[in-house]
Every structure is written in C-alpha cells, then in structure tokens.
PDB file of N, CA and C in Angstrom:
ATOM      1  N   MET A   1      18.610  20.494 -18.369  1.00  0.00           N
ATOM      2  CA  MET A   1      19.564  21.547 -18.526  1.00  0.00           C
ATOM      3  C   MET A   1      20.964  21.091 -18.116  1.00  0.00           C
ATOM      4  N   LEU A   2      21.069  20.315 -17.027  1.00  0.00           N
ATOM      5  CA  LEU A   2      22.387  19.842 -16.605  1.00  0.00           C
ATOM      6  C   LEU A   2      22.988  18.873 -17.600  1.00  0.00           C
ATOM      7  N   ALA A   3      22.149  18.145 -18.298  1.00  0.00           N
ATOM      8  CA  ALA A   3      22.673  17.225 -19.301  1.00  0.00           C
ATOM      9  C   ALA A   3      23.369  17.997 -20.416  1.00  0.00           C
ATOM     10  N   ALA A   4      22.821  19.133 -20.791  1.00  0.00           N
ATOM     11  CA  ALA A   4      23.409  19.952 -21.855  1.00  0.00           C
ATOM     12  C   ALA A   4      24.565  20.805 -21.340  1.00  0.00           C
ATOM     13  N   HIS A   5      24.541  21.142 -20.061  1.00  0.00           N
ATOM     14  CA  HIS A   5      25.571  21.991 -19.459  1.00  0.00           C
ATOM     15  C   HIS A   5      26.034  21.337 -18.152  1.00  0.00           C
ATOM     16  N   PRO A   6      26.918  20.362 -18.245  1.00  0.00           N
ATOM     17  CA  PRO A   6      27.339  19.620 -17.057  1.00  0.00           C
ATOM     18  C   PRO A   6      27.972  20.526 -15.995  1.00  0.00           C
ATOM     19  N   LEU A   7      27.887  20.065 -14.762  1.00  0.00           N
ATOM     20  CA  LEU A   7      28.530  20.772 -13.659  1.00  0.00           C
ATOM     21  C   LEU A   7      30.040  20.722 -13.825  1.00  0.00           C
ATOM     22  N   PRO A   8      30.726  21.771 -13.432  1.00  0.00           N
ATOM     23  CA  PRO A   8      32.189  21.691 -13.387  1.00  0.00           C
ATOM     24  C   PRO A   8      32.608  20.545 -12.458  1.00  0.00           C
ATOM     25  N   ASP A   9      33.771  19.980 -12.715  1.00  0.00           N
ATOM     26  CA  ASP A   9      34.221  18.792 -11.990  1.00  0.00           C
ATOM     27  C   ASP A   9      34.267  18.964 -10.476  1.00  0.00           C
ATOM     28  N   ASP A  10      34.503  20.161  -9.998  1.00  0.00           N
ATOM     29  CA  ASP A  10      34.637  20.374  -8.555  1.00  0.00           C
ATOM     30  C   ASP A  10      33.347  20.867  -7.894  1.00  0.00           C
ATOM     31  N   TRP A  11      32.224  20.798  -8.598  1.00  0.00           N
ATOM     32  CA  TRP A  11      30.936  21.248  -8.049  1.00  0.00           C
ATOM     33  C   TRP A  11      30.082  20.051  -7.633  1.00  0.00           C
ATOM     34  N   MET A  12      29.163  20.340  -6.705  1.00  0.00           N
ATOM     35  CA  MET A  12      28.134  19.378  -6.312  1.00  0.00           C
ATOM     36  C   MET A  12      26.775  20.013  -6.579  1.00  0.00           C
ATOM     37  N   LEU A  13      25.753  19.192  -6.660  1.00  0.00           N
ATOM     38  CA  LEU A  13      24.388  19.670  -6.858  1.00  0.00           C
ATOM     39  C   LEU A  13      23.593  19.431  -5.583  1.00  0.00           C
ATOM     40  N   ILE A  14      23.002  20.482  -5.050  1.00  0.00           N
ATOM     41  CA  ILE A  14      22.049  20.333  -3.953  1.00  0.00           C
ATOM     42  C   ILE A  14      20.674  20.393  -4.596  1.00  0.00           C
ATOM     43  N   ALA A  15      20.042  19.239  -4.677  1.00  0.00           N
ATOM     44  CA  ALA A  15      18.750  19.120  -5.358  1.00  0.00           C
ATOM     45  C   ALA A  15      17.621  19.436  -4.383  1.00  0.00           C
ATOM     46  N   GLY A  16      16.774  20.392  -4.738  1.00  0.00           N
ATOM     47  CA  GLY A  16      15.601  20.720  -3.929  1.00  0.00           C
ATOM     48  C   GLY A  16      14.516  19.687  -4.176  1.00  0.00           C
ATOM     49  N   VAL A  17      14.412  18.713  -3.286  1.00  0.00           N
ATOM     50  CA  VAL A  17      13.509  17.581  -3.524  1.00  0.00           C
ATOM     51  C   VAL A  17      12.235  17.618  -2.685  1.00  0.00           C
ATOM     52  N   ILE A  18      12.097  18.621  -1.818  1.00  0.00           N
ATOM     53  CA  ILE A  18      10.824  18.825  -1.136  1.00  0.00           C
ATOM     54  C   ILE A  18      10.446  20.301  -1.231  1.00  0.00           C
ATOM     55  N   ASP A  19       9.159  20.534  -1.326  1.00  0.00           N
ATOM     56  CA  ASP A  19       8.611  21.884  -1.473  1.00  0.00           C
ATOM     57  C   ASP A  19       8.381  22.483  -0.092  1.00  0.00           C
ATOM     58  N   THR A  20       8.912  23.653   0.134  1.00  0.00           N
ATOM     59  CA  THR A  20       8.795  24.296   1.446  1.00  0.00           C
ATOM     60  C   THR A  20       7.658  25.297   1.536  1.00  0.00           C
ATOM     61  N   THR A  21       6.836  25.372   0.510  1.00  0.00           N
ATOM     62  CA  THR A  21       5.770  26.384   0.511  1.00  0.00           C
ATOM     63  C   THR A  21       4.378  25.797   0.663  1.00  0.00           C
ATOM     64  N   THR A  22       4.269  24.466   0.815  1.00  0.00           N
ATOM     65  CA  THR A  22       2.955  23.845   0.971  1.00  0.00           C
ATOM     66  C   THR A  22       2.946  22.947   2.203  1.00  0.00           C
ATOM     67  N   ASN A  23       1.765  22.647   2.685  1.00  0.00           N
ATOM     68  CA  ASN A  23       1.591  21.731   3.803  1.00  0.00           C
ATOM     69  C   ASN A  23       1.456  20.285   3.342  1.00  0.00           C
ATOM     70  N   TYR A  24       1.680  20.033   2.061  1.00  0.00           N
ATOM     71  CA  TYR A  24       1.652  18.682   1.510  1.00  0.00           C
ATOM     72  C   TYR A  24       2.983  18.005   1.816  1.00  0.00           C
ATOM     73  N   VAL A  25       2.941  16.802   2.395  1.00  0.00           N
ATOM     74  CA  VAL A  25       4.163  16.062   2.713  1.00  0.00           C
ATOM     75  C   VAL A  25       4.436  15.066   1.594  1.00  0.00           C
ATOM     76  N   GLU A  26       5.593  15.195   0.974  1.00  0.00           N
ATOM     77  CA  GLU A  26       5.982  14.310  -0.102  1.00  0.00           C
ATOM     78  C   GLU A  26       6.214  12.899   0.434  1.00  0.00           C
ATOM     79  N   HIS A  27       5.870  11.899  -0.355  1.00  0.00           N
ATOM     80  CA  HIS A  27       6.140  10.509   0.025  1.00  0.00           C
ATOM     81  C   HIS A  27       7.636  10.245  -0.164  1.00  0.00           C
ATOM     82  N   PRO A  28       8.245   9.469   0.710  1.00  0.00           N
ATOM     83  CA  PRO A  28       9.666   9.167   0.553  1.00  0.00           C
ATOM     84  C   PRO A  28      10.035   8.584  -0.818  1.00  0.00           C
ATOM     85  N   GLU A  29       9.134   7.829  -1.440  1.00  0.00           N
ATOM     86  CA  GLU A  29       9.408   7.295  -2.783  1.00  0.00           C
ATOM     87  C   GLU A  29       9.545   8.427  -3.808  1.00  0.00           C
ATOM     88  N   VAL A  30       8.735   9.466  -3.660  1.00  0.00           N
ATOM     89  CA  VAL A  30       8.817  10.625  -4.560  1.00  0.00           C
ATOM     90  C   VAL A  30      10.153  11.339  -4.351  1.00  0.00           C
ATOM     91  N   VAL A  31      10.523  11.504  -3.094  1.00  0.00           N
ATOM     92  CA  VAL A  31      11.801  12.136  -2.774  1.00  0.00           C
ATOM     93  C   VAL A  31      12.943  11.318  -3.371  1.00  0.00           C
ATOM     94  N   ALA A  32      12.904  10.005  -3.189  1.00  0.00           N
ATOM     95  CA  ALA A  32      13.952   9.129  -3.726  1.00  0.00           C
ATOM     96  C   ALA A  32      14.036   9.250  -5.242  1.00  0.00           C
ATOM     97  N   GLU A  33      12.892   9.260  -5.901  1.00  0.00           N
ATOM     98  CA  GLU A  33      12.879   9.379  -7.357  1.00  0.00           C
ATOM     99  C   GLU A  33      13.533  10.688  -7.805  1.00  0.00           C
ATOM    100  N   ARG A  34      13.247  11.764  -7.118  1.00  0.00           N
ATOM    101  CA  ARG A  34      13.838  13.063  -7.472  1.00  0.00           C
ATOM    102  C   ARG A  34      15.358  13.043  -7.291  1.00  0.00           C
ATOM    103  N   ILE A  35      15.823  12.411  -6.227  1.00  0.00           N
ATOM    104  CA  ILE A  35      17.260  12.298  -5.996  1.00  0.00           C
ATOM    105  C   ILE A  35      17.909  11.451  -7.086  1.00  0.00           C
ATOM    106  N   GLU A  36      17.259  10.358  -7.439  1.00  0.00           N
ATOM    107  CA  GLU A  36      17.797   9.471  -8.469  1.00  0.00           C
ATOM    108  C   GLU A  36      17.866  10.166  -9.826  1.00  0.00           C
ATOM    109  N   ILE A  37      16.896  10.989 -10.130  1.00  0.00           N
ATOM    110  CA  ILE A  37      16.936  11.759 -11.388  1.00  0.00           C
ATOM    111  C   ILE A  37      18.132  12.700 -11.376  1.00  0.00           C
ATOM    112  N   ALA A  38      18.346  13.385 -10.265  1.00  0.00           N
ATOM    113  CA  ALA A  38      19.489  14.299 -10.163  1.00  0.00           C
ATOM    114  C   ALA A  38      20.798  13.529 -10.307  1.00  0.00           C
ATOM    115  N   ALA A  39      20.865  12.343  -9.732  1.00  0.00           N
ATOM    116  CA  ALA A  39      22.081  11.532  -9.843  1.00  0.00           C
ATOM    117  C   ALA A  39      22.330  11.101 -11.286  1.00  0.00           C
ATOM    118  N   ARG A  40      21.279  10.728 -11.992  1.00  0.00           N
ATOM    119  CA  ARG A  40      21.438  10.342 -13.396  1.00  0.00           C
ATOM    120  C   ARG A  40      21.919  11.519 -14.235  1.00  0.00           C
ATOM    121  N   VAL A  41      21.349  12.682 -13.992  1.00  0.00           N
ATOM    122  CA  VAL A  41      21.707  13.854 -14.793  1.00  0.00           C
ATOM    123  C   VAL A  41      23.145  14.298 -14.528  1.00  0.00           C
ATOM    124  N   THR A  42      23.579  14.244 -13.285  1.00  0.00           N
ATOM    125  CA  THR A  42      24.959  14.641 -12.981  1.00  0.00           C
ATOM    126  C   THR A  42      25.950  13.556 -13.377  1.00  0.00           C
ATOM    127  N   GLY A  43      25.462  12.317 -13.453  1.00  0.00           N
ATOM    128  CA  GLY A  43      26.337  11.209 -13.821  1.00  0.00           C
ATOM    129  C   GLY A  43      27.110  10.617 -12.659  1.00  0.00           C
ATOM    130  N   ASP A  44      26.919  11.155 -11.464  1.00  0.00           N
ATOM    131  CA  ASP A  44      27.654  10.660 -10.299  1.00  0.00           C
ATOM    132  C   ASP A  44      26.844  10.939  -9.038  1.00  0.00           C
ATOM    133  N   PRO A  45      26.275   9.905  -8.421  1.00  0.00           N
ATOM    134  CA  PRO A  45      25.468  10.136  -7.214  1.00  0.00           C
ATOM    135  C   PRO A  45      26.257  10.728  -6.052  1.00  0.00           C
ATOM    136  N   HIS A  46      27.584  10.600  -6.073  1.00  0.00           N
ATOM    137  CA  HIS A  46      28.405  11.194  -5.016  1.00  0.00           C
ATOM    138  C   HIS A  46      28.383  12.721  -5.071  1.00  0.00           C
ATOM    139  N   ARG A  47      27.932  13.261  -6.186  1.00  0.00           N
ATOM    140  CA  ARG A  47      27.928  14.722  -6.357  1.00  0.00           C
ATOM    141  C   ARG A  47      26.556  15.340  -6.089  1.00  0.00           C
ATOM    142  N   VAL A  48      25.640  14.547  -5.543  1.00  0.00           N
ATOM    143  CA  VAL A  48      24.275  15.029  -5.296  1.00  0.00           C
ATOM    144  C   VAL A  48      23.981  15.016  -3.801  1.00  0.00           C
ATOM    145  N   LEU A  49      23.492  16.141  -3.315  1.00  0.00           N
ATOM    146  CA  LEU A  49      22.988  16.254  -1.947  1.00  0.00           C
ATOM    147  C   LEU A  49      21.508  16.573  -2.035  1.00  0.00           C
ATOM    148  N   ALA A  50      20.705  15.935  -1.201  1.00  0.00           N
ATOM    149  CA  ALA A  50      19.275  16.222  -1.174  1.00  0.00           C
ATOM    150  C   ALA A  50      19.009  17.364  -0.214  1.00  0.00           C
ATOM    151  N   GLY A  51      18.147  18.272  -0.624  1.00  0.00           N
ATOM    152  CA  GLY A  51      17.810  19.404   0.223  1.00  0.00           C
ATOM    153  C   GLY A  51      16.390  19.877  -0.041  1.00  0.00           C
ATOM    154  N   THR A  52      16.075  20.999   0.559  1.00  0.00           N
ATOM    155  CA  THR A  52      14.778  21.624   0.314  1.00  0.00           C
ATOM    156  C   THR A  52      14.914  22.582  -0.858  1.00  0.00           C
ATOM    157  N   ASP A  53      13.799  22.930  -1.467  1.00  0.00           N
ATOM    158  CA  ASP A  53      13.885  23.842  -2.611  1.00  0.00           C
ATOM    159  C   ASP A  53      14.055  25.294  -2.179  1.00  0.00           C
ATOM    160  N   CYS A  54      13.972  25.562  -0.904  1.00  0.00           N
ATOM    161  CA  CYS A  54      14.183  26.896  -0.353  1.00  0.00           C
ATOM    162  C   CYS A  54      14.052  26.771   1.159  1.00  0.00           C
ATOM    163  N   GLY A  55      13.950  27.864   1.868  1.00  0.00           N
ATOM    164  CA  GLY A  55      13.764  27.811   3.315  1.00  0.00           C
ATOM    165  C   GLY A  55      12.296  27.644   3.683  1.00  0.00           C
ATOM    166  N   PHE A  56      12.042  27.214   4.897  1.00  0.00           N
ATOM    167  CA  PHE A  56      10.655  27.015   5.323  1.00  0.00           C
ATOM    168  C   PHE A  56       9.972  28.297   5.770  1.00  0.00           C
ATOM    169  N   ASP A  57      10.685  29.387   5.830  1.00  0.00           N
ATOM    170  CA  ASP A  57      10.069  30.646   6.229  1.00  0.00           C
ATOM    171  C   ASP A  57      10.388  31.693   5.168  1.00  0.00           C
ATOM    172  N   THR A  58      10.038  31.364   3.930  1.00  0.00           N
ATOM    173  CA  THR A  58      10.440  32.193   2.793  1.00  0.00           C
ATOM    174  C   THR A  58       9.665  33.496   2.683  1.00  0.00           C
ATOM    175  N   SER A  59       8.592  33.634   3.433  1.00  0.00           N
ATOM    176  CA  SER A  59       7.788  34.849   3.329  1.00  0.00           C
ATOM    177  C   SER A  59       7.966  35.755   4.544  1.00  0.00           C
ATOM    178  N   ALA A  60       9.185  35.827   5.024  1.00  0.00           N
ATOM    179  CA  ALA A  60       9.553  36.739   6.123  1.00  0.00           C
ATOM    180  C   ALA A  60       8.616  36.642   7.316  1.00  0.00           C
ATOM    181  N   GLY A  61       8.465  35.435   7.845  1.00  0.00           N
ATOM    182  CA  GLY A  61       7.726  35.262   9.083  1.00  0.00           C
ATOM    183  C   GLY A  61       6.252  34.967   8.948  1.00  0.00           C
ATOM    184  N   LEU A  62       5.744  34.778   7.737  1.00  0.00           N
ATOM    185  CA  LEU A  62       4.321  34.493   7.584  1.00  0.00           C
ATOM    186  C   LEU A  62       3.954  33.089   8.057  1.00  0.00           C
ATOM    187  N   GLY A  63       4.931  32.202   8.170  1.00  0.00           N
ATOM    188  CA  GLY A  63       4.678  30.858   8.690  1.00  0.00           C
ATOM    189  C   GLY A  63       3.679  30.077   7.879  1.00  0.00           C
ATOM    190  N   GLN A  64       3.888  29.990   6.573  1.00  0.00           N
ATOM    191  CA  GLN A  64       2.932  29.316   5.700  1.00  0.00           C
ATOM    192  C   GLN A  64       2.847  27.822   5.943  1.00  0.00           C
ATOM    193  N   VAL A  65       3.915  27.203   6.378  1.00  0.00           N
ATOM    194  CA  VAL A  65       3.916  25.761   6.603  1.00  0.00           C
ATOM    195  C   VAL A  65       3.917  25.510   8.103  1.00  0.00           C
ATOM    196  N   ALA A  66       2.966  24.706   8.546  1.00  0.00           N
ATOM    197  CA  ALA A  66       2.838  24.403   9.971  1.00  0.00           C
ATOM    198  C   ALA A  66       4.092  23.691  10.467  1.00  0.00           C
ATOM    199  N   ALA A  67       4.511  24.020  11.677  1.00  0.00           N
ATOM    200  CA  ALA A  67       5.750  23.475  12.226  1.00  0.00           C
ATOM    201  C   ALA A  67       5.762  21.952  12.224  1.00  0.00           C
ATOM    202  N   GLU A  68       4.650  21.332  12.599  1.00  0.00           N
ATOM    203  CA  GLU A  68       4.622  19.860  12.628  1.00  0.00           C
ATOM    204  C   GLU A  68       4.758  19.274  11.226  1.00  0.00           C
ATOM    205  N   VAL A  69       4.299  20.002  10.219  1.00  0.00           N
ATOM    206  CA  VAL A  69       4.431  19.544   8.831  1.00  0.00           C
ATOM    207  C   VAL A  69       5.887  19.677   8.378  1.00  0.00           C
ATOM    208  N   VAL A  70       6.565  20.725   8.823  1.00  0.00           N
ATOM    209  CA  VAL A  70       7.985  20.884   8.494  1.00  0.00           C
ATOM    210  C   VAL A  70       8.755  19.643   8.940  1.00  0.00           C
ATOM    211  N   TRP A  71       8.502  19.175  10.160  1.00  0.00           N
ATOM    212  CA  TRP A  71       9.209  18.000  10.664  1.00  0.00           C
ATOM    213  C   TRP A  71       8.846  16.752   9.868  1.00  0.00           C
ATOM    214  N   GLU A  72       7.585  16.628   9.467  1.00  0.00           N
ATOM    215  CA  GLU A  72       7.182  15.481   8.636  1.00  0.00           C
ATOM    216  C   GLU A  72       7.878  15.533   7.278  1.00  0.00           C
ATOM    217  N   LYS A  73       7.976  16.727   6.698  1.00  0.00           N
ATOM    218  CA  LYS A  73       8.668  16.873   5.422  1.00  0.00           C
ATOM    219  C   LYS A  73      10.147  16.502   5.554  1.00  0.00           C
ATOM    220  N   LEU A  74      10.776  16.914   6.635  1.00  0.00           N
ATOM    221  CA  LEU A  74      12.181  16.571   6.846  1.00  0.00           C
ATOM    222  C   LEU A  74      12.365  15.072   7.064  1.00  0.00           C
ATOM    223  N   ARG A  75      11.400  14.422   7.717  1.00  0.00           N
ATOM    224  CA  ARG A  75      11.455  12.962   7.845  1.00  0.00           C
ATOM    225  C   ARG A  75      11.323  12.295   6.479  1.00  0.00           C
ATOM    226  N   ALA A  76      10.437  12.831   5.638  1.00  0.00           N
ATOM    227  CA  ALA A  76      10.289  12.292   4.282  1.00  0.00           C
ATOM    228  C   ALA A  76      11.581  12.486   3.487  1.00  0.00           C
ATOM    229  N   LEU A  77      12.243  13.615   3.689  1.00  0.00           N
ATOM    230  CA  LEU A  77      13.529  13.867   3.034  1.00  0.00           C
ATOM    231  C   LEU A  77      14.562  12.838   3.483  1.00  0.00           C
ATOM    232  N   ARG A  78      14.627  12.611   4.782  1.00  0.00           N
ATOM    233  CA  ARG A  78      15.567  11.621   5.316  1.00  0.00           C
ATOM    234  C   ARG A  78      15.273  10.221   4.784  1.00  0.00           C
ATOM    235  N   ASP A  79      14.003   9.833   4.834  1.00  0.00           N
ATOM    236  CA  ASP A  79      13.628   8.490   4.399  1.00  0.00           C
ATOM    237  C   ASP A  79      13.819   8.304   2.894  1.00  0.00           C
ATOM    238  N   GLY A  80      13.497   9.334   2.128  1.00  0.00           N
ATOM    239  CA  GLY A  80      13.698   9.269   0.681  1.00  0.00           C
ATOM    240  C   GLY A  80      15.165   9.200   0.322  1.00  0.00           C
ATOM    241  N   ALA A  81      15.996   9.938   1.040  1.00  0.00           N
ATOM    242  CA  ALA A  81      17.438   9.895   0.793  1.00  0.00           C
ATOM    243  C   ALA A  81      17.992   8.509   1.118  1.00  0.00           C
ATOM    244  N   ALA A  82      17.474   7.889   2.163  1.00  0.00           N
ATOM    245  CA  ALA A  82      17.920   6.538   2.500  1.00  0.00           C
ATOM    246  C   ALA A  82      17.545   5.547   1.398  1.00  0.00           C
ATOM    247  N   LEU A  83      16.325   5.658   0.874  1.00  0.00           N
ATOM    248  CA  LEU A  83      15.901   4.786  -0.238  1.00  0.00           C
ATOM    249  C   LEU A  83      16.780   4.993  -1.456  1.00  0.00           C
ATOM    250  N   ALA A  84      17.001   6.246  -1.816  1.00  0.00           N
ATOM    251  CA  ALA A  84      17.831   6.537  -2.996  1.00  0.00           C
ATOM    252  C   ALA A  84      19.254   6.025  -2.789  1.00  0.00           C
ATOM    253  N   SER A  85      19.792   6.195  -1.610  1.00  0.00           N
ATOM    254  CA  SER A  85      21.155   5.724  -1.331  1.00  0.00           C
ATOM    255  C   SER A  85      21.265   4.216  -1.512  1.00  0.00           C
ATOM    256  N   LYS A  86      20.271   3.482  -1.036  1.00  0.00           N
ATOM    257  CA  LYS A  86      20.283   2.017  -1.200  1.00  0.00           C
ATOM    258  C   LYS A  86      20.276   1.645  -2.678  1.00  0.00           C
ATOM    259  N   ARG A  87      19.539   2.384  -3.472  1.00  0.00           N
ATOM    260  CA  ARG A  87      19.425   2.066  -4.900  1.00  0.00           C
ATOM    261  C   ARG A  87      20.651   2.503  -5.691  1.00  0.00           C
ATOM    262  N   LEU A  88      21.261   3.605  -5.293  1.00  0.00           N
ATOM    263  CA  LEU A  88      22.347   4.184  -6.065  1.00  0.00           C
ATOM    264  C   LEU A  88      23.725   3.661  -5.678  1.00  0.00           C
ATOM    265  N   PHE A  89      23.863   3.136  -4.479  1.00  0.00           N
ATOM    266  CA  PHE A  89      25.198   2.713  -4.031  1.00  0.00           C
ATOM    267  C   PHE A  89      25.255   1.235  -3.723  1.00  0.00           C
TER     268      PHE A  89
END
C-alpha cells in the first residue's frame, strides 16, 4: 500500500514489527526482516522506526502477555533493530 501511496515527505513510519497479543517471541532475524521491508517500501531507512503493533495491555488489564515475555519481545525488537541497522546503513 505504501508503494502505491507514498508517505508525505515530512512523515515517518513506525512499523509494528512485534505482536503484542501473543506469548510467542519473535526471532531478531524476523524483526530485522520486517524493518528492512518497511525501509524498502518507504525508500529511506531514516524514515522508519521499529515499534510494537499496539500496546501490551490492549485488553484493558487482562494481561494476555506474561510480563517476562514482554521483556523478551522488547529484547528481540532491540536486537532485530540492531541487525537491520547494520544492513541498511
């Protein structure tokens, strides 16, 4: 969709590269690949920020994702962003 409708020049894309609704921890390589796809589509890796696809408490306090898994997911986000940065810059 972004390829057909590019971002305005003064916008950035915050790509949701980890799922906040499951206890599955994404591998950093998967996170990196998702970031790299977003960078290709926007045409400029400087305009891409990696983030979560939503908040970790999206069901008003139901606590679907275990706290220790949240931290593992955030580590995967950090590590994947580092991999993507090495490849893109």
